[in-house]
Amino acid sequence: MFHFDSECSNLAPDVFAALQKIISQTGWVCPDCLSACRMKVDQIQRAQAEIAEKLSDTFVSLAYLQGEVDLLKAHSNNNLLANSPNNQHDDGNACVTTATVESIIFSTLNNLKHR
């Protein structure tokens, strides 16, 4: 169903009433309303493009962070942290502390922010 605004159509009331009877067949739309709708669609499209760009940047950042986490796991598995008693399990295997992970993530996010 169509909605038409008699006030912004700038048509005389009797002309508007006559047109309203055949409007569904003619497809007429108020130029001001059409313009306002187009502006809103443009705003929505710009906002959508901005969100898509931010989402893409977020995916890149997450992929980079995943790479950093994978590197930490590899270092842990290769016993690169085994020299420090604070970074060993009771069984003597190397582990990555929460503080180390937080430090690397913080550093990575700062590096990404500067790019």
N, C-alpha and C. Protein backbone atom coordinates (compact mmCIF):
# COMPACT_ATOMS: atom_id res chain seq x y z
N MET A 1 0.84 -1.18 0.00
CA MET A 1 0.00 0.00 0.00
C MET A 1 0.88 1.24 0.00
N PHE A 2 0.47 2.23 -0.72
CA PHE A 2 1.23 3.48 -0.84
C PHE A 2 0.78 4.47 0.23
N HIS A 3 1.72 5.31 0.62
CA HIS A 3 1.39 6.39 1.54
C HIS A 3 1.76 7.70 0.86
N PHE A 4 0.86 8.62 0.85
CA PHE A 4 1.10 9.90 0.18
C PHE A 4 0.81 11.03 1.14
N ASP A 5 1.58 12.07 1.00
CA ASP A 5 1.49 13.21 1.89
C ASP A 5 0.83 14.36 1.12
N SER A 6 -0.38 14.67 1.48
CA SER A 6 -1.10 15.73 0.77
C SER A 6 -0.49 17.10 1.03
N GLU A 7 0.13 17.28 2.19
CA GLU A 7 0.70 18.58 2.52
C GLU A 7 1.94 18.90 1.68
N CYS A 8 2.82 17.92 1.50
CA CYS A 8 4.05 18.23 0.77
C CYS A 8 3.89 18.07 -0.74
N SER A 9 2.72 17.61 -1.20
CA SER A 9 2.51 17.44 -2.64
C SER A 9 2.29 18.77 -3.36
N ASN A 10 1.94 19.78 -2.60
CA ASN A 10 1.64 21.11 -3.15
C ASN A 10 0.53 21.06 -4.20
N LEU A 11 -0.36 20.11 -4.06
CA LEU A 11 -1.51 20.01 -4.96
C LEU A 11 -2.74 20.52 -4.24
N ALA A 12 -3.64 21.07 -5.00
CA ALA A 12 -4.91 21.51 -4.43
C ALA A 12 -5.63 20.29 -3.86
N PRO A 13 -6.38 20.48 -2.78
CA PRO A 13 -7.05 19.33 -2.14
C PRO A 13 -7.93 18.53 -3.09
N ASP A 14 -8.66 19.21 -3.99
CA ASP A 14 -9.53 18.47 -4.92
C ASP A 14 -8.72 17.68 -5.94
N VAL A 15 -7.58 18.23 -6.38
CA VAL A 15 -6.71 17.52 -7.33
C VAL A 15 -6.08 16.32 -6.63
N PHE A 16 -5.63 16.53 -5.41
CA PHE A 16 -5.02 15.43 -4.66
C PHE A 16 -6.04 14.31 -4.44
N ALA A 17 -7.27 14.66 -4.11
CA ALA A 17 -8.32 13.66 -3.88
C ALA A 17 -8.59 12.86 -5.16
N ALA A 18 -8.59 13.55 -6.31
CA ALA A 18 -8.82 12.87 -7.58
C ALA A 18 -7.64 11.94 -7.90
N LEU A 19 -6.44 12.43 -7.68
CA LEU A 19 -5.26 11.61 -7.97
C LEU A 19 -5.16 10.41 -7.02
N GLN A 20 -5.59 10.59 -5.80
CA GLN A 20 -5.48 9.53 -4.82
C GLN A 20 -6.30 8.30 -5.25
N LYS A 21 -7.36 8.53 -6.03
CA LYS A 21 -8.19 7.42 -6.49
C LYS A 21 -7.46 6.57 -7.53
N ILE A 22 -6.57 7.19 -8.32
CA ILE A 22 -5.88 6.44 -9.38
C ILE A 22 -4.38 6.27 -9.12
N ILE A 23 -3.95 6.67 -7.95
CA ILE A 23 -2.51 6.71 -7.64
C ILE A 23 -1.85 5.33 -7.72
N SER A 24 -2.55 4.28 -7.32
CA SER A 24 -1.95 2.94 -7.35
C SER A 24 -1.66 2.50 -8.79
N GLN A 25 -2.40 3.02 -9.77
CA GLN A 25 -2.15 2.68 -11.16
C GLN A 25 -1.09 3.60 -11.80
N THR A 26 -0.99 4.83 -11.33
CA THR A 26 -0.07 5.78 -11.96
C THR A 26 1.34 5.70 -11.39
N GLY A 27 1.48 5.29 -10.14
CA GLY A 27 2.81 5.17 -9.54
C GLY A 27 3.40 6.49 -9.12
N TRP A 28 2.62 7.52 -8.98
CA TRP A 28 3.13 8.83 -8.59
C TRP A 28 3.62 8.81 -7.15
N VAL A 29 4.74 9.48 -6.93
CA VAL A 29 5.27 9.65 -5.58
C VAL A 29 5.66 11.11 -5.42
N CYS A 30 5.40 11.63 -4.26
CA CYS A 30 5.73 13.02 -3.95
C CYS A 30 7.23 13.24 -4.14
N PRO A 31 7.64 14.24 -4.93
CA PRO A 31 9.08 14.49 -5.17
C PRO A 31 9.86 14.78 -3.88
N ASP A 32 9.26 15.51 -2.96
CA ASP A 32 9.95 15.80 -1.70
C ASP A 32 10.16 14.54 -0.87
N CYS A 33 9.12 13.70 -0.81
CA CYS A 33 9.23 12.45 -0.06
C CYS A 33 10.25 11.53 -0.72
N LEU A 34 10.22 11.47 -2.06
CA LEU A 34 11.17 10.65 -2.79
C LEU A 34 12.60 11.11 -2.54
N SER A 35 12.81 12.40 -2.55
CA SER A 35 14.13 12.96 -2.29
C SER A 35 14.60 12.64 -0.87
N ALA A 36 13.70 12.78 0.10
CA ALA A 36 14.03 12.47 1.49
C ALA A 36 14.39 10.99 1.64
N CYS A 37 13.65 10.12 0.98
CA CYS A 37 13.94 8.69 1.04
C CYS A 37 15.29 8.38 0.41
N ARG A 38 15.59 9.00 -0.71
CA ARG A 38 16.89 8.78 -1.36
C ARG A 38 18.04 9.22 -0.46
N MET A 39 17.86 10.35 0.22
CA MET A 39 18.91 10.81 1.13
C MET A 39 19.12 9.81 2.27
N LYS A 40 18.04 9.27 2.80
CA LYS A 40 18.15 8.29 3.88
C LYS A 40 18.82 7.00 3.39
N VAL A 41 18.48 6.58 2.19
CA VAL A 41 19.11 5.38 1.62
C VAL A 41 20.61 5.63 1.43
N ASP A 42 20.98 6.81 0.94
CA ASP A 42 22.39 7.15 0.78
C ASP A 42 23.12 7.12 2.13
N GLN A 43 22.50 7.67 3.16
CA GLN A 43 23.11 7.66 4.50
C GLN A 43 23.31 6.23 4.99
N ILE A 44 22.31 5.40 4.77
CA ILE A 44 22.40 4.01 5.21
C ILE A 44 23.51 3.28 4.44
N GLN A 45 23.62 3.54 3.15
CA GLN A 45 24.66 2.89 2.35
C GLN A 45 26.05 3.33 2.78
N ARG A 46 26.21 4.61 3.10
CA ARG A 46 27.52 5.09 3.58
C ARG A 46 27.86 4.46 4.92
N ALA A 47 26.88 4.39 5.81
CA ALA A 47 27.11 3.77 7.12
C ALA A 47 27.44 2.29 6.96
N GLN A 48 26.77 1.62 6.05
CA GLN A 48 27.04 0.21 5.81
C GLN A 48 28.46 0.02 5.28
N ALA A 49 28.89 0.87 4.37
CA ALA A 49 30.25 0.77 3.83
C ALA A 49 31.28 1.01 4.94
N GLU A 50 31.02 1.96 5.81
CA GLU A 50 31.94 2.24 6.92
C GLU A 50 32.02 1.05 7.88
N ILE A 51 30.89 0.46 8.17
CA ILE A 51 30.86 -0.71 9.06
C ILE A 51 31.59 -1.88 8.40
N ALA A 52 31.39 -2.07 7.10
CA ALA A 52 32.08 -3.16 6.40
C ALA A 52 33.59 -2.97 6.44
N GLU A 53 34.05 -1.73 6.28
CA GLU A 53 35.47 -1.43 6.34
C GLU A 53 36.03 -1.71 7.75
N LYS A 54 35.30 -1.28 8.76
CA LYS A 54 35.75 -1.53 10.14
C LYS A 54 35.77 -3.02 10.44
N LEU A 55 34.78 -3.74 9.96
CA LEU A 55 34.73 -5.18 10.16
C LEU A 55 35.90 -5.87 9.48
N SER A 56 36.22 -5.41 8.29
CA SER A 56 37.37 -5.96 7.57
C SER A 56 38.66 -5.71 8.35
N ASP A 57 38.82 -4.50 8.86
CA ASP A 57 40.01 -4.18 9.68
C ASP A 57 40.06 -5.06 10.92
N THR A 58 38.92 -5.31 11.52
CA THR A 58 38.86 -6.17 12.71
C THR A 58 39.29 -7.59 12.37
N PHE A 59 38.83 -8.12 11.23
CA PHE A 59 39.24 -9.46 10.81
C PHE A 59 40.74 -9.54 10.60
N VAL A 60 41.31 -8.51 9.99
CA VAL A 60 42.76 -8.48 9.78
C VAL A 60 43.48 -8.47 11.12
N SER A 61 43.00 -7.66 12.04
CA SER A 61 43.62 -7.58 13.37
C SER A 61 43.53 -8.92 14.10
N LEU A 62 42.37 -9.56 14.01
CA LEU A 62 42.20 -10.85 14.67
C LEU A 62 43.11 -11.92 14.04
N ALA A 63 43.25 -11.88 12.73
CA ALA A 63 44.14 -12.83 12.07
C ALA A 63 45.58 -12.60 12.52
N TYR A 64 45.96 -11.34 12.65
CA TYR A 64 47.31 -11.02 13.11
C TYR A 64 47.51 -11.51 14.54
N LEU A 65 46.53 -11.27 15.40
CA LEU A 65 46.62 -11.73 16.78
C LEU A 65 46.67 -13.25 16.85
N GLN A 66 45.92 -13.92 15.98
CA GLN A 66 45.96 -15.39 15.95
C GLN A 66 47.36 -15.86 15.58
N GLY A 67 48.00 -15.16 14.66
CA GLY A 67 49.38 -15.50 14.30
C GLY A 67 50.31 -15.33 15.49
N GLU A 68 50.11 -14.26 16.24
CA GLU A 68 50.94 -14.03 17.42
C GLU A 68 50.72 -15.12 18.47
N VAL A 69 49.47 -15.53 18.67
CA VAL A 69 49.17 -16.59 19.63
C VAL A 69 49.80 -17.90 19.15
N ASP A 70 49.72 -18.17 17.86
CA ASP A 70 50.34 -19.38 17.32
C ASP A 70 51.85 -19.36 17.53
N LEU A 71 52.46 -18.19 17.37
CA LEU A 71 53.90 -18.08 17.63
C LEU A 71 54.21 -18.36 19.09
N LEU A 72 53.40 -17.85 19.98
CA LEU A 72 53.61 -18.12 21.41
C LEU A 72 53.50 -19.61 21.71
N LYS A 73 52.52 -20.25 21.11
CA LYS A 73 52.37 -21.68 21.31
C LYS A 73 53.59 -22.43 20.79
N ALA A 74 54.08 -22.02 19.64
CA ALA A 74 55.25 -22.68 19.06
C ALA A 74 56.46 -22.49 19.96
N HIS A 75 56.63 -21.29 20.47
CA HIS A 75 57.76 -21.02 21.38
C HIS A 75 57.63 -21.88 22.64
N SER A 76 56.42 -21.99 23.13
CA SER A 76 56.19 -22.78 24.34
C SER A 76 56.49 -24.25 24.07
N ASN A 77 56.04 -24.74 22.92
CA ASN A 77 56.27 -26.13 22.58
C ASN A 77 57.75 -26.44 22.34
N ASN A 78 58.50 -25.45 21.93
CA ASN A 78 59.93 -25.64 21.68
C ASN A 78 60.76 -25.36 22.93
N ASN A 79 60.09 -25.20 24.04
CA ASN A 79 60.75 -24.96 25.33
C ASN A 79 61.63 -23.70 25.33
N LEU A 80 61.22 -22.70 24.58
CA LEU A 80 62.00 -21.46 24.56
C LEU A 80 61.89 -20.71 25.88
N LEU A 81 60.83 -20.98 26.63
CA LEU A 81 60.66 -20.31 27.90
C LEU A 81 61.12 -21.18 29.08
N ALA A 82 61.73 -22.31 28.78
CA ALA A 82 62.10 -23.28 29.81
C ALA A 82 63.17 -22.76 30.76
N ASN A 83 63.90 -21.75 30.39
CA ASN A 83 64.98 -21.23 31.24
C ASN A 83 64.47 -20.50 32.47
N SER A 84 63.24 -20.10 32.45
CA SER A 84 62.70 -19.34 33.57
C SER A 84 61.85 -20.25 34.45
N PRO A 85 62.18 -20.36 35.74
CA PRO A 85 61.38 -21.22 36.62
C PRO A 85 59.94 -20.76 36.76
N ASN A 86 59.66 -19.47 36.55
CA ASN A 86 58.29 -18.97 36.65
C ASN A 86 57.44 -19.41 35.48
N ASN A 87 58.06 -19.86 34.41
CA ASN A 87 57.34 -20.23 33.21
C ASN A 87 57.35 -21.74 32.98
N GLN A 88 57.37 -22.53 34.04
CA GLN A 88 57.37 -23.97 33.91
C GLN A 88 56.24 -24.58 34.75
N HIS A 89 55.67 -25.64 34.19
CA HIS A 89 54.70 -26.43 34.95
C HIS A 89 55.48 -27.29 35.94
N ASP A 90 54.77 -27.94 36.82
CA ASP A 90 55.40 -28.84 37.78
C ASP A 90 56.15 -29.97 37.10
N ASP A 91 55.71 -30.33 35.87
CA ASP A 91 56.38 -31.43 35.18
C ASP A 91 57.62 -30.96 34.41
N GLY A 92 57.95 -29.67 34.51
CA GLY A 92 59.16 -29.14 33.88
C GLY A 92 58.94 -28.62 32.47
N ASN A 93 57.76 -28.79 31.90
CA ASN A 93 57.49 -28.29 30.56
C ASN A 93 57.26 -26.79 30.58
N ALA A 94 57.67 -26.12 29.51
CA ALA A 94 57.51 -24.68 29.43
C ALA A 94 56.03 -24.32 29.23
N CYS A 95 55.64 -23.15 29.77
CA CYS A 95 54.28 -22.66 29.57
C CYS A 95 54.35 -21.15 29.36
N VAL A 96 53.28 -20.61 28.86
CA VAL A 96 53.18 -19.17 28.65
C VAL A 96 52.26 -18.63 29.72
N THR A 97 52.73 -17.62 30.44
CA THR A 97 51.92 -17.05 31.51
C THR A 97 50.87 -16.12 30.93
N THR A 98 49.86 -15.88 31.71
CA THR A 98 48.82 -14.94 31.32
C THR A 98 49.40 -13.55 31.12
N ALA A 99 50.33 -13.17 31.97
CA ALA A 99 50.96 -11.86 31.85
C ALA A 99 51.71 -11.73 30.53
N THR A 100 52.37 -12.80 30.10
CA THR A 100 53.09 -12.77 28.82
C THR A 100 52.12 -12.59 27.67
N VAL A 101 51.04 -13.35 27.68
CA VAL A 101 50.04 -13.24 26.62
C VAL A 101 49.42 -11.85 26.61
N GLU A 102 49.06 -11.33 27.78
CA GLU A 102 48.48 -9.99 27.86
C GLU A 102 49.45 -8.94 27.33
N SER A 103 50.71 -9.09 27.67
CA SER A 103 51.73 -8.14 27.23
C SER A 103 51.86 -8.16 25.71
N ILE A 104 51.89 -9.34 25.13
CA ILE A 104 52.04 -9.45 23.67
C ILE A 104 50.79 -8.93 22.96
N ILE A 105 49.62 -9.23 23.48
CA ILE A 105 48.38 -8.73 22.86
C ILE A 105 48.32 -7.21 22.96
N PHE A 106 48.67 -6.66 24.11
CA PHE A 106 48.68 -5.20 24.28
C PHE A 106 49.66 -4.57 23.29
N SER A 107 50.84 -5.14 23.18
CA SER A 107 51.85 -4.63 22.26
C SER A 107 51.36 -4.72 20.81
N THR A 108 50.75 -5.83 20.47
CA THR A 108 50.25 -6.02 19.10
C THR A 108 49.16 -5.02 18.78
N LEU A 109 48.23 -4.82 19.70
CA LEU A 109 47.16 -3.86 19.46
C LEU A 109 47.70 -2.44 19.31
N ASN A 110 48.70 -2.10 20.11
CA ASN A 110 49.32 -0.78 19.97
C ASN A 110 50.01 -0.64 18.61
N ASN A 111 50.68 -1.70 18.17
CA ASN A 111 51.32 -1.66 16.85
C ASN A 111 50.29 -1.49 15.75
N LEU A 112 49.16 -2.21 15.86
CA LEU A 112 48.11 -2.08 14.85
C LEU A 112 47.48 -0.69 14.84
N LYS A 113 47.37 -0.09 16.02
CA LYS A 113 46.79 1.24 16.12
C LYS A 113 47.67 2.28 15.42
N HIS A 114 48.99 2.06 15.44
CA HIS A 114 49.92 3.03 14.85
C HIS A 114 50.02 2.86 13.33
N ARG A 115 49.49 1.78 12.78
CA ARG A 115 49.60 1.55 11.33
C ARG A 115 48.61 2.33 10.55
